[in-house]
Protein backbone atom coordinates (compact mmCIF):
# COMPACT_ATOMS: atom_id res chain seq x y z
CA MET A 1 0.00 0.00 0.00
CA SER A 2 1.35 3.41 -0.94
CA GLU A 3 1.91 6.08 1.67
CA LEU A 4 -0.59 8.94 1.44
CA LEU A 5 0.36 12.59 1.41
CA SER A 6 -0.55 14.49 4.56
CA ALA A 7 -4.07 15.92 4.76
CA ALA A 8 -2.68 19.46 4.38
CA SER A 9 -0.62 18.52 1.31
CA ALA A 10 -3.58 16.71 -0.28
CA ALA A 11 -5.84 19.71 0.35
CA SER A 12 -3.34 22.03 -1.33
CA VAL A 13 -3.36 19.69 -4.37
CA TRP A 14 -7.19 19.75 -4.50
CA ARG A 15 -7.25 23.54 -4.31
CA ALA A 16 -4.63 23.87 -7.05
CA VAL A 17 -6.47 21.43 -9.32
CA LYS A 18 -9.81 23.21 -8.78
CA ALA A 19 -8.35 26.66 -9.54
CA TRP A 20 -6.54 25.27 -12.59
CA LEU A 21 -9.60 23.45 -13.98
CA ASN A 22 -11.59 26.66 -13.72
CA THR A 23 -9.19 28.28 -16.22
CA CYS A 24 -10.11 25.74 -18.92
CA PRO A 25 -11.58 27.50 -21.97
CA GLU A 26 -13.59 24.36 -22.82
CA ILE A 27 -15.87 24.71 -19.78
CA PRO A 28 -19.36 25.72 -20.91
CA GLU A 29 -20.11 29.41 -20.45
CA GLY A 30 -21.52 30.35 -17.06
CA MET A 31 -20.33 27.13 -15.43
CA SER A 32 -17.52 26.55 -12.97
CA VAL A 33 -15.92 23.40 -11.59
CA THR A 34 -16.78 22.45 -8.02
CA PHE A 35 -15.16 19.90 -5.72
CA GLU A 36 -17.04 16.66 -5.07
CA ALA A 37 -20.54 18.15 -5.46
CA LEU A 38 -23.04 18.61 -8.27
CA PRO A 39 -26.42 20.34 -8.22
CA VAL A 40 -29.44 18.06 -7.90
CA ASN A 41 -31.46 17.79 -11.12
CA ASP A 42 -29.46 20.51 -12.87
CA VAL A 43 -26.37 20.80 -15.04
CA GLY A 44 -22.96 21.07 -13.40
CA LEU A 45 -19.30 20.20 -13.51
CA CYS A 46 -17.15 18.89 -10.69
CA PHE A 47 -14.04 16.89 -10.01
CA SER A 48 -13.76 14.21 -7.37
CA THR A 49 -10.98 12.17 -5.87
CA GLU A 50 -10.66 8.64 -7.23
CA GLN A 51 -7.63 7.80 -5.14
CA ALA A 52 -6.07 9.92 -2.42
CA ALA A 53 -2.83 11.69 -3.33
CA PHE A 54 0.04 9.33 -2.59
CA TYR A 55 3.82 8.96 -2.83
CA ALA A 56 4.53 6.84 -5.89
CA ALA A 57 8.28 6.85 -5.15
CA ARG A 58 10.63 8.19 -2.49
CA TYR A 59 14.13 9.34 -3.49
CA ILE A 60 17.32 8.90 -1.49
CA GLY A 61 17.90 12.66 -1.35
CA GLY A 62 14.51 13.22 0.31
CA GLY A 63 12.50 14.04 -2.80
CA TYR A 64 9.58 12.10 -4.13
CA ARG A 65 7.22 11.43 -7.02
CA ALA A 66 3.51 11.71 -6.18
CA GLU A 67 0.20 11.03 -7.90
CA TYR A 68 -3.35 12.27 -7.52
CA ARG A 69 -6.07 10.41 -9.41
CA PHE A 70 -9.29 12.27 -10.03
CA ARG A 71 -12.41 12.21 -12.14
CA ILE A 72 -14.17 15.08 -13.91
CA VAL A 73 -17.94 14.67 -13.85
CA TYR A 74 -20.25 16.59 -16.18
CA ARG A 75 -23.97 16.49 -15.33
CA VAL A 76 -26.41 17.31 -18.13
CA LEU A 77 -30.15 17.10 -18.82
CA PRO A 78 -30.12 15.65 -22.34
CA SER A 79 -33.28 15.71 -24.41
CA SER A 80 -31.79 14.04 -27.50
CA ASP A 81 -28.93 11.92 -28.76
CA ASP A 82 -27.29 15.13 -29.98
CA ASP A 83 -27.32 16.50 -26.41
CA GLN A 84 -25.67 13.31 -25.18
CA MET A 85 -23.00 13.46 -27.88
CA GLU A 86 -22.36 17.13 -27.10
CA ALA A 87 -21.82 16.22 -23.45
CA VAL A 88 -19.21 13.61 -24.40
CA GLU A 89 -17.58 16.07 -26.82
CA THR A 90 -17.42 18.77 -24.14
CA LEU A 91 -15.92 16.46 -21.54
CA THR A 92 -13.46 15.07 -24.09
CA ALA A 93 -12.38 18.62 -24.98
CA ILE A 94 -11.88 19.46 -21.29
CA CYS A 95 -9.71 16.35 -20.86
CA ALA A 96 -7.70 17.15 -24.00
CA TRP A 97 -7.04 20.64 -22.59
CA CYS A 98 -5.95 19.06 -19.29
CA GLU A 99 -3.35 16.97 -21.12
CA THR A 100 -1.94 19.84 -23.18
CA ALA A 101 -2.23 22.92 -20.93
CA ALA A 102 0.42 23.88 -18.43
CA PRO A 103 -0.43 21.74 -15.38
CA PRO A 104 -1.55 23.15 -12.03
CA GLU A 105 1.21 24.82 -10.06
CA LEU A 106 2.06 22.85 -6.94
CA GLU A 107 4.48 24.12 -4.31
CA ASP A 108 8.08 23.00 -5.01
CA ALA A 109 6.88 20.64 -7.75
CA VAL A 110 8.60 19.92 -11.06
CA ASN A 111 7.83 17.62 -13.98
CA GLU A 112 4.09 18.00 -13.46
CA LYS A 113 1.99 16.08 -15.92
CA ILE A 114 -1.68 15.23 -16.45
CA THR A 115 -2.59 11.96 -18.13
CA ARG A 116 -6.08 10.84 -19.10
CA THR A 117 -6.74 7.34 -17.80
CA SER A 118 -10.25 6.88 -19.20
CA ASP A 119 -12.35 8.38 -21.97
CA ALA A 120 -15.55 10.31 -21.38
CA ALA A 121 -18.43 7.94 -20.77
CA VAL A 122 -21.80 7.72 -19.06
CA LEU A 123 -21.51 7.14 -15.31
CA THR A 124 -25.14 7.36 -14.20
CA VAL A 125 -28.56 8.06 -15.69
CA TYR A 126 -31.19 9.15 -13.17
CA GLU A 127 -34.98 8.72 -13.36
CA ASP A 128 -35.49 12.28 -14.63
CA ASN A 129 -32.95 11.62 -17.45
CA CYS A 130 -30.33 13.72 -15.65
CA THR A 131 -27.08 12.09 -16.79
CA ASP A 132 -23.56 12.14 -15.36
CA TYR A 133 -20.61 11.70 -17.73
CA GLY A 134 -17.12 11.17 -16.37
CA ALA A 135 -13.50 10.82 -17.35
CA SER A 136 -10.51 9.98 -15.18
CA LEU A 137 -7.12 11.67 -15.06
CA THR A 138 -3.89 11.37 -13.09
CA LEU A 139 -1.70 14.25 -11.97
CA THR A 140 1.92 13.26 -11.37
CA TRP A 141 4.70 15.48 -10.04
CA GLU A 142 8.10 15.37 -8.40
CA VAL A 143 9.69 17.31 -5.60
CA PHE A 144 13.47 17.34 -5.18
């Protein structure tokens, strides 16, 4: 089992990722990314932790490589197949931006990188047709 980052370090990663995601030009107009929460029966965009931030490697000189695995969730109220495809396209565009934009700035970190680990896909369809789409990503970084 990998050693987890401290609660304070993990919280600083969450805050950096949230601020960074909210700079994405692919986010639909008037929407912002929240942490771990989506509106009930309404459209929204959030990210949530899939696996707590952890030390992937410890270096002899005291540095380390760490990872934070998270999911972006896009909730929509589709009324047609086109709406559903647009939701997947939007989430795919957000993920593509994540992989190509300068990554979030973490204190003392170098070699930061975001990698998509799953494509955009339906997560849940609710009784009122409210639908959650999600895609998973991993943030890796090193501190020396």
